[in-house]
N, C-alpha and C. Protein backbone atom coordinates (compact mmCIF):
# COMPACT_ATOMS: atom_id res chain seq x y z
N MET A 1 126.22 -14.25 237.78
CA MET A 1 125.77 -15.17 236.61
C MET A 1 125.77 -14.36 235.31
N THR A 2 126.96 -13.59 234.98
CA THR A 2 126.77 -12.96 233.90
C THR A 2 127.73 -13.79 232.88
N MET A 3 127.12 -14.25 231.95
CA MET A 3 127.65 -14.81 230.80
C MET A 3 128.13 -13.87 229.78
N ASN A 4 129.33 -14.21 229.28
CA ASN A 4 129.95 -13.13 228.18
C ASN A 4 129.28 -13.32 227.08
N ILE A 5 128.53 -12.27 226.48
CA ILE A 5 127.73 -12.49 225.13
C ILE A 5 128.35 -12.93 224.01
N TRP A 6 129.74 -12.82 223.91
CA TRP A 6 130.40 -13.21 222.94
C TRP A 6 130.31 -14.70 222.69
N TRP A 7 130.28 -15.35 223.70
CA TRP A 7 130.09 -16.85 223.64
C TRP A 7 128.84 -17.33 222.99
N ILE A 8 127.87 -16.40 223.15
CA ILE A 8 126.54 -16.73 222.57
C ILE A 8 126.53 -16.54 221.15
N TRP A 9 126.99 -15.31 220.73
CA TRP A 9 127.32 -15.13 219.31
C TRP A 9 127.99 -16.28 218.66
N MET A 10 129.18 -16.66 219.29
CA MET A 10 130.09 -17.70 218.53
C MET A 10 129.33 -19.07 218.43
N ILE A 11 128.61 -19.44 219.42
CA ILE A 11 127.64 -20.72 219.52
C ILE A 11 126.61 -20.54 218.44
N LEU A 12 125.91 -19.15 218.35
CA LEU A 12 125.12 -19.05 217.32
C LEU A 12 125.43 -19.04 215.88
N ALA A 13 126.91 -18.51 215.75
CA ALA A 13 127.55 -18.59 214.58
C ALA A 13 127.73 -19.94 214.04
N ALA A 14 128.21 -20.78 215.04
CA ALA A 14 128.47 -22.43 214.91
C ALA A 14 127.19 -23.05 214.36
N VAL A 15 126.20 -22.77 215.12
CA VAL A 15 124.89 -23.38 214.67
C VAL A 15 124.35 -23.06 213.34
N PHE A 16 124.58 -21.61 212.86
CA PHE A 16 124.38 -21.33 211.46
C PHE A 16 125.14 -22.09 210.58
N ILE A 17 126.34 -22.14 210.78
CA ILE A 17 127.53 -22.57 209.80
C ILE A 17 127.29 -24.05 209.55
N VAL A 18 127.02 -24.69 210.88
CA VAL A 18 126.65 -26.13 210.75
C VAL A 18 125.38 -26.52 210.05
N GLY A 19 124.42 -25.67 210.43
CA GLY A 19 123.15 -25.85 209.75
C GLY A 19 123.03 -25.64 208.09
N GLU A 20 124.33 -24.89 207.60
CA GLU A 20 124.25 -24.63 206.34
C GLU A 20 124.70 -25.82 205.62
N ILE A 21 125.49 -26.70 206.50
CA ILE A 21 126.09 -27.98 205.77
C ILE A 21 124.83 -28.70 205.16
N PHE A 22 123.66 -28.54 205.87
CA PHE A 22 122.44 -29.52 205.70
C PHE A 22 121.50 -28.69 204.60
N THR A 23 121.95 -27.69 204.02
CA THR A 23 121.16 -26.81 203.19
C THR A 23 121.67 -26.71 201.92
N ALA A 24 121.04 -26.26 200.85
CA ALA A 24 121.83 -26.07 199.67
C ALA A 24 121.84 -24.63 199.23
N ALA A 25 121.44 -23.78 199.89
CA ALA A 25 120.97 -22.54 199.27
C ALA A 25 122.01 -21.46 199.66
N PHE A 26 123.02 -21.53 200.42
CA PHE A 26 123.93 -20.58 201.01
C PHE A 26 122.99 -19.47 201.59
N PHE A 27 122.16 -19.89 202.45
CA PHE A 27 121.22 -19.09 203.28
C PHE A 27 121.80 -18.77 204.69
N LEU A 28 122.01 -19.81 205.16
CA LEU A 28 122.39 -19.90 206.83
C LEU A 28 123.88 -19.47 207.05
N LEU A 29 124.78 -19.58 206.11
CA LEU A 29 126.19 -19.18 206.19
C LEU A 29 126.39 -17.94 206.50
N TRP A 30 125.67 -17.20 205.79
CA TRP A 30 125.71 -15.45 205.90
C TRP A 30 125.37 -15.09 207.48
N PHE A 31 124.26 -15.76 207.96
CA PHE A 31 124.12 -15.45 209.33
C PHE A 31 125.07 -15.79 210.16
N GLY A 32 125.73 -16.96 209.96
CA GLY A 32 126.75 -17.43 210.71
C GLY A 32 127.93 -16.57 210.67
N VAL A 33 128.07 -16.00 209.48
CA VAL A 33 129.35 -15.04 209.47
C VAL A 33 129.08 -13.63 210.21
N GLY A 34 127.67 -13.45 210.15
CA GLY A 34 127.43 -12.07 210.63
C GLY A 34 127.28 -12.24 212.31
N ALA A 35 127.01 -13.62 212.73
CA ALA A 35 127.01 -13.80 214.16
C ALA A 35 128.48 -13.83 214.86
N ALA A 36 129.34 -14.32 213.90
CA ALA A 36 130.92 -14.42 214.33
C ALA A 36 131.42 -12.88 214.27
N VAL A 37 131.10 -12.08 213.26
CA VAL A 37 131.57 -10.62 213.47
C VAL A 37 130.93 -9.88 214.74
N ALA A 38 129.65 -10.16 215.07
CA ALA A 38 129.08 -9.67 216.31
C ALA A 38 129.76 -10.15 217.55
N GLY A 39 130.23 -11.58 217.47
CA GLY A 39 130.91 -12.14 218.56
C GLY A 39 132.28 -11.30 218.86
N VAL A 40 132.98 -11.18 217.65
CA VAL A 40 134.28 -10.38 217.78
C VAL A 40 133.98 -9.12 218.49
N LEU A 41 132.98 -8.29 217.87
CA LEU A 41 132.63 -7.00 218.56
C LEU A 41 132.34 -7.25 220.06
N ALA A 42 131.62 -8.10 220.36
CA ALA A 42 131.40 -8.29 221.80
C ALA A 42 132.60 -8.56 222.66
N LEU A 43 133.45 -9.48 222.08
CA LEU A 43 134.75 -9.60 222.72
C LEU A 43 135.52 -8.18 222.93
N LEU A 44 135.49 -7.29 221.92
CA LEU A 44 136.19 -6.14 221.99
C LEU A 44 135.53 -5.11 222.86
N GLY A 45 134.23 -5.48 223.43
CA GLY A 45 133.53 -4.61 224.33
C GLY A 45 132.48 -3.75 223.72
N VAL A 46 132.20 -3.80 222.48
CA VAL A 46 131.24 -2.89 221.91
C VAL A 46 129.87 -3.30 222.21
N GLY A 47 129.06 -2.34 222.55
CA GLY A 47 127.69 -2.53 223.00
C GLY A 47 126.86 -3.48 222.38
N PHE A 48 125.70 -3.93 223.01
CA PHE A 48 124.82 -4.95 222.44
C PHE A 48 124.20 -4.53 221.09
N GLY A 49 123.67 -3.32 221.21
CA GLY A 49 122.89 -2.69 220.13
C GLY A 49 123.78 -2.62 218.82
N TRP A 50 125.09 -2.32 219.08
CA TRP A 50 125.97 -2.31 217.82
C TRP A 50 126.11 -3.70 217.45
N GLN A 51 126.40 -4.56 218.28
CA GLN A 51 126.55 -6.05 217.74
C GLN A 51 125.41 -6.56 217.13
N LEU A 52 124.20 -6.17 217.57
CA LEU A 52 122.98 -6.70 216.92
C LEU A 52 122.74 -6.02 215.58
N GLY A 53 123.09 -4.70 215.47
CA GLY A 53 123.02 -4.00 214.26
C GLY A 53 123.96 -4.58 213.22
N VAL A 54 125.30 -4.86 213.50
CA VAL A 54 126.33 -5.34 212.72
C VAL A 54 125.93 -6.85 212.28
N PHE A 55 125.43 -7.42 213.17
CA PHE A 55 124.79 -8.88 212.87
C PHE A 55 123.76 -8.81 211.65
N ILE A 56 122.83 -8.00 211.78
CA ILE A 56 121.96 -7.79 210.86
C ILE A 56 122.33 -7.33 209.50
N VAL A 57 123.28 -6.19 209.61
CA VAL A 57 123.78 -5.50 208.43
C VAL A 57 124.74 -6.56 207.66
N VAL A 58 125.68 -7.06 208.28
CA VAL A 58 126.71 -8.06 207.53
C VAL A 58 125.91 -9.14 206.99
N SER A 59 125.02 -9.91 207.77
CA SER A 59 124.16 -10.98 207.37
C SER A 59 123.30 -10.48 205.98
N LEU A 60 122.68 -9.56 206.03
CA LEU A 60 121.88 -9.17 204.80
C LEU A 60 122.76 -8.67 203.59
N VAL A 61 123.75 -7.98 203.84
CA VAL A 61 124.71 -7.45 202.68
C VAL A 61 125.34 -8.82 201.96
N LEU A 62 125.89 -9.70 203.02
CA LEU A 62 126.34 -10.94 202.34
C LEU A 62 125.48 -11.92 201.62
N PHE A 63 124.14 -11.81 202.08
CA PHE A 63 123.19 -12.58 201.56
C PHE A 63 122.58 -11.95 200.26
N ALA A 64 122.55 -10.58 200.23
CA ALA A 64 122.26 -9.91 198.97
C ALA A 64 123.25 -10.01 197.87
N ALA A 65 124.60 -10.00 198.35
CA ALA A 65 125.50 -10.04 197.40
C ALA A 65 125.55 -11.79 196.71
N SER A 66 125.33 -12.44 197.60
CA SER A 66 125.45 -13.94 197.01
C SER A 66 124.32 -14.21 196.06
N ARG A 67 123.19 -13.52 196.35
CA ARG A 67 122.05 -13.79 195.45
C ARG A 67 122.32 -13.16 194.10
N LYS A 68 123.06 -12.08 194.10
CA LYS A 68 123.22 -11.38 192.81
C LYS A 68 124.35 -12.29 192.00
N LEU A 69 125.36 -12.77 192.84
CA LEU A 69 126.45 -13.61 192.20
C LEU A 69 125.88 -14.80 191.65
N ALA A 70 124.77 -15.43 192.44
CA ALA A 70 124.16 -16.73 192.12
C ALA A 70 123.16 -16.46 190.72
N GLU A 71 122.66 -15.36 190.57
CA GLU A 71 121.91 -15.14 189.48
C GLU A 71 122.82 -15.06 188.33
N ARG A 72 123.98 -14.32 188.40
CA ARG A 72 124.76 -14.10 187.31
C ARG A 72 125.31 -15.42 186.75
N VAL A 73 125.70 -16.47 187.68
CA VAL A 73 126.46 -17.63 187.43
C VAL A 73 125.34 -18.66 186.88
N THR A 74 124.10 -18.80 187.47
CA THR A 74 123.10 -19.72 186.98
C THR A 74 122.14 -19.15 186.28
N LYS A 75 122.02 -18.04 185.59
CA LYS A 75 121.02 -17.49 184.88
C LYS A 75 120.53 -18.18 183.82
N LYS A 76 121.40 -18.69 182.81
CA LYS A 76 121.00 -19.40 181.69
C LYS A 76 121.92 -20.69 181.77
N GLN A 77 121.46 -21.79 181.30
CA GLN A 77 121.99 -23.00 181.27
C GLN A 77 122.49 -23.22 179.88
N PRO A 78 123.70 -23.23 179.61
CA PRO A 78 124.29 -23.34 178.25
C PRO A 78 123.87 -24.84 177.56
N PRO A 79 123.64 -24.74 176.40
CA PRO A 79 123.06 -26.03 175.65
C PRO A 79 124.05 -27.16 175.87
N GLY A 80 123.41 -28.33 175.98
CA GLY A 80 124.32 -29.38 176.07
C GLY A 80 124.62 -29.90 177.43
N ILE A 81 123.79 -29.27 178.39
CA ILE A 81 124.09 -29.59 179.81
C ILE A 81 122.87 -30.22 180.25
N GLY A 82 122.92 -31.15 181.14
CA GLY A 82 121.84 -31.77 181.83
C GLY A 82 121.30 -32.77 180.81
N ALA A 83 120.08 -33.32 181.00
CA ALA A 83 119.39 -34.06 180.14
C ALA A 83 119.25 -33.67 178.77
N ASP A 84 119.33 -32.38 178.33
CA ASP A 84 119.26 -31.90 177.01
C ASP A 84 120.37 -32.38 176.08
N ARG A 85 121.42 -32.71 176.71
CA ARG A 85 122.49 -33.20 175.85
C ARG A 85 122.21 -34.48 175.21
N PHE A 86 121.25 -35.28 175.43
CA PHE A 86 121.02 -36.50 174.86
C PHE A 86 120.23 -36.21 173.78
N ILE A 87 119.59 -35.22 173.32
CA ILE A 87 118.90 -34.77 172.30
C ILE A 87 119.53 -35.08 171.01
N GLY A 88 119.26 -35.93 169.96
CA GLY A 88 120.12 -36.14 168.83
C GLY A 88 121.02 -37.23 169.02
N GLU A 89 121.12 -38.02 170.11
CA GLU A 89 121.75 -39.14 170.40
C GLU A 89 121.23 -40.38 169.63
N PRO A 90 122.08 -41.16 169.14
CA PRO A 90 121.60 -42.38 168.39
C PRO A 90 121.34 -43.48 169.61
N CYS A 91 120.39 -44.39 169.59
CA CYS A 91 120.09 -45.34 170.65
C CYS A 91 119.70 -46.87 169.62
N ILE A 92 119.70 -47.80 170.39
CA ILE A 92 119.18 -49.14 169.77
C ILE A 92 118.19 -49.60 170.85
N VAL A 93 117.15 -50.00 170.10
CA VAL A 93 115.79 -50.50 170.85
C VAL A 93 116.33 -51.80 171.43
N LEU A 94 116.10 -52.07 172.77
CA LEU A 94 116.36 -53.23 173.56
C LEU A 94 115.14 -54.07 173.70
N GLU A 95 114.13 -53.26 174.11
CA GLU A 95 112.89 -53.90 174.33
C GLU A 95 111.60 -52.96 173.54
N LYS A 96 110.95 -53.87 172.69
CA LYS A 96 109.94 -53.29 171.90
C LYS A 96 109.27 -52.03 172.44
N ILE A 97 109.31 -50.84 171.71
CA ILE A 97 108.65 -49.80 172.18
C ILE A 97 107.15 -49.69 171.63
N ASP A 98 106.36 -49.62 172.61
CA ASP A 98 104.98 -49.76 172.34
C ASP A 98 104.21 -48.64 173.32
N ASN A 99 103.95 -47.47 172.90
CA ASN A 99 103.22 -46.71 173.75
C ASN A 99 101.94 -46.87 174.37
N ASP A 100 101.15 -47.66 173.58
CA ASP A 100 99.88 -48.17 174.09
C ASP A 100 100.04 -48.95 175.41
N LYS A 101 101.23 -49.81 175.31
CA LYS A 101 101.42 -50.78 176.22
C LYS A 101 102.56 -50.29 177.39
N ASN A 102 102.88 -48.90 177.31
CA ASN A 102 103.76 -48.35 177.98
C ASN A 102 105.13 -49.23 178.33
N SER A 103 105.83 -49.68 177.28
CA SER A 103 106.76 -50.52 177.32
C SER A 103 107.71 -49.94 176.21
N GLY A 104 109.00 -50.14 176.64
CA GLY A 104 110.16 -49.95 175.74
C GLY A 104 111.43 -49.39 176.45
N ARG A 105 112.43 -50.13 175.97
CA ARG A 105 113.70 -49.72 176.74
C ARG A 105 114.60 -49.51 175.37
N VAL A 106 115.66 -48.56 175.59
CA VAL A 106 116.63 -48.33 174.67
C VAL A 106 118.01 -48.29 175.28
N ARG A 107 119.15 -48.62 174.51
CA ARG A 107 120.61 -48.38 175.16
C ARG A 107 121.11 -47.43 174.15
N MET A 108 121.69 -46.23 174.96
CA MET A 108 122.40 -45.06 174.50
C MET A 108 123.73 -45.07 175.25
N GLY A 109 124.76 -45.56 174.29
CA GLY A 109 126.10 -45.70 174.94
C GLY A 109 126.11 -46.80 175.82
N ARG A 110 126.40 -46.87 177.19
CA ARG A 110 126.31 -47.78 178.01
C ARG A 110 125.12 -47.77 179.19
N GLU A 111 124.33 -46.93 178.72
CA GLU A 111 123.09 -46.75 179.85
C GLU A 111 121.76 -47.24 178.97
N GLU A 112 120.87 -47.67 179.72
CA GLU A 112 119.68 -48.18 179.41
C GLU A 112 118.64 -47.25 180.04
N TRP A 113 117.77 -46.72 179.01
CA TRP A 113 116.66 -45.72 179.38
C TRP A 113 115.24 -46.43 178.99
N ARG A 114 114.32 -45.93 179.79
CA ARG A 114 112.83 -46.29 179.37
C ARG A 114 112.77 -45.31 178.08
N ALA A 115 111.77 -45.68 177.13
CA ALA A 115 111.80 -45.06 176.10
C ALA A 115 110.19 -45.06 175.61
N GLU A 116 109.91 -44.14 174.78
CA GLU A 116 108.54 -44.00 174.25
C GLU A 116 108.76 -43.43 172.66
N SER A 117 107.81 -43.91 171.90
CA SER A 117 107.91 -43.33 170.48
C SER A 117 107.36 -42.12 170.17
N ASP A 118 108.03 -41.18 169.42
CA ASP A 118 107.54 -39.69 169.38
C ASP A 118 106.48 -39.76 168.39
N THR A 119 106.29 -40.97 167.53
CA THR A 119 105.23 -40.92 166.49
C THR A 119 104.31 -41.84 166.83
N ASP A 120 104.25 -42.45 167.96
CA ASP A 120 103.30 -43.52 168.42
C ASP A 120 103.38 -44.83 167.49
N GLU A 121 104.39 -44.82 166.86
CA GLU A 121 104.90 -45.98 166.02
C GLU A 121 105.53 -47.21 167.03
N VAL A 122 105.07 -48.46 166.77
CA VAL A 122 105.71 -49.44 167.35
C VAL A 122 106.95 -49.72 166.78
N LEU A 123 108.19 -49.60 167.67
CA LEU A 123 109.45 -49.97 167.24
C LEU A 123 109.99 -51.24 167.69
N PRO A 124 110.28 -52.27 166.85
CA PRO A 124 110.70 -53.59 167.27
C PRO A 124 112.02 -53.39 167.94
N GLU A 125 112.58 -54.33 168.61
CA GLU A 125 113.81 -54.56 169.30
C GLU A 125 114.89 -54.73 167.91
N GLY A 126 116.06 -53.93 168.36
CA GLY A 126 117.10 -53.71 167.39
C GLY A 126 116.96 -52.64 166.35
N THR A 127 115.77 -51.96 166.47
CA THR A 127 115.76 -50.66 165.74
C THR A 127 116.69 -49.74 166.04
N LYS A 128 117.29 -48.97 165.15
CA LYS A 128 118.10 -47.83 165.56
C LYS A 128 117.26 -46.50 165.50
N VAL A 129 117.34 -45.85 166.56
CA VAL A 129 116.53 -44.61 167.01
C VAL A 129 117.42 -43.62 167.25
N VAL A 130 116.73 -42.19 167.37
CA VAL A 130 117.35 -41.12 167.75
C VAL A 130 116.66 -40.27 168.95
N VAL A 131 117.09 -39.80 169.82
CA VAL A 131 116.40 -39.08 170.86
C VAL A 131 115.99 -37.74 170.29
N THR A 132 114.59 -37.31 170.46
CA THR A 132 114.11 -36.39 169.96
C THR A 132 113.88 -35.20 171.09
N ARG A 133 113.46 -35.83 172.32
CA ARG A 133 113.22 -35.14 173.41
C ARG A 133 113.41 -35.84 174.77
N ILE A 134 113.27 -35.14 175.79
CA ILE A 134 113.06 -35.83 177.16
C ILE A 134 111.73 -35.72 177.78
N SER A 135 111.09 -36.61 178.36
CA SER A 135 109.81 -36.49 178.84
C SER A 135 109.89 -37.04 180.34
N GLY A 136 110.25 -36.23 181.36
CA GLY A 136 110.29 -36.81 182.66
C GLY A 136 111.68 -37.67 182.73
N THR A 137 111.44 -39.07 182.81
CA THR A 137 112.61 -39.88 183.02
C THR A 137 112.56 -40.86 181.71
N HIS A 138 111.83 -40.47 180.75
CA HIS A 138 111.84 -41.37 179.63
C HIS A 138 112.69 -40.47 178.43
N LEU A 139 113.18 -41.42 177.59
CA LEU A 139 113.55 -40.66 176.19
C LEU A 139 112.56 -40.81 175.16
N VAL A 140 112.17 -39.68 174.45
CA VAL A 140 111.34 -39.86 173.32
C VAL A 140 112.14 -40.15 172.07
N VAL A 141 111.86 -41.11 171.32
CA VAL A 141 112.64 -41.36 170.26
C VAL A 141 112.04 -41.57 169.00
N THR A 142 112.51 -41.42 167.80
CA THR A 142 112.00 -41.59 166.59
C THR A 142 113.19 -42.52 165.75
N LYS A 143 112.65 -43.31 164.79
CA LYS A 143 113.40 -43.97 164.04
C LYS A 143 114.41 -43.35 163.48
N ALA A 144 115.87 -43.80 163.41
CA ALA A 144 116.94 -43.03 162.73
C ALA A 144 116.52 -42.56 161.35
N GLY A 145 116.82 -41.49 160.93
CA GLY A 145 116.59 -41.08 159.56
C GLY A 145 115.14 -40.35 159.33
N GLN A 146 114.31 -40.35 160.39
CA GLN A 146 113.12 -39.85 160.37
C GLN A 146 113.21 -38.48 160.99
N THR A 147 112.54 -37.50 160.69
CA THR A 147 112.40 -36.22 161.35
C THR A 147 111.09 -36.03 162.19
N SER A 148 111.07 -35.78 163.34
CA SER A 148 109.83 -35.42 164.02
C SER A 148 109.58 -34.17 164.02
N LEU A 149 108.15 -33.91 163.90
CA LEU A 149 107.58 -32.48 164.04
C LEU A 149 106.80 -32.40 165.27
N SER A 150 106.79 -33.52 166.14
CA SER A 150 106.13 -33.58 167.29
C SER A 150 107.04 -32.60 168.33
N GLY A 151 106.27 -32.16 169.24
CA GLY A 151 106.77 -31.32 170.26
C GLY A 151 105.74 -30.83 171.31
N GLU A 152 104.44 -31.27 170.80
CA GLU A 152 103.28 -30.87 171.71
C GLU A 152 103.16 -32.01 172.64
N GLY A 153 102.41 -31.72 173.72
CA GLY A 153 102.06 -32.68 174.86
C GLY A 153 103.31 -32.94 175.81
N GLU A 154 104.01 -32.14 175.79
CA GLU A 154 105.03 -32.13 176.91
C GLU A 154 104.66 -31.64 178.11
């Protein structure tokens, strides 16, 4: 009942690689590659100790290299990416903005957003406003032409 160890390595590699599909961190992929390399070594008749050592070294080296690459690529987000791109954009009030009643909707382009007033001023329907910041899923707006000095309370 001797099962070839290379099968076990290849099954392990497949499990890691398929598991990577369900994660977003590029974590399991490198262990799958390491297991595949160890499986090839087992197929070539290399001893189990070497297989295990190569599995660990290959997996860790690839993991460390991917982390350095990821840090370099995602270190700083350039301006105008994500929700920050909405700051300074003009909007029109669709539903009266009243912070006390937690009500208010604006249209920016073709999208509708919940909104609140940056100055706690009630802004009636039809008012032209500008986005000053983002607070969770709300746009914080002020009347067009006004400058907001607010920034606290985020």
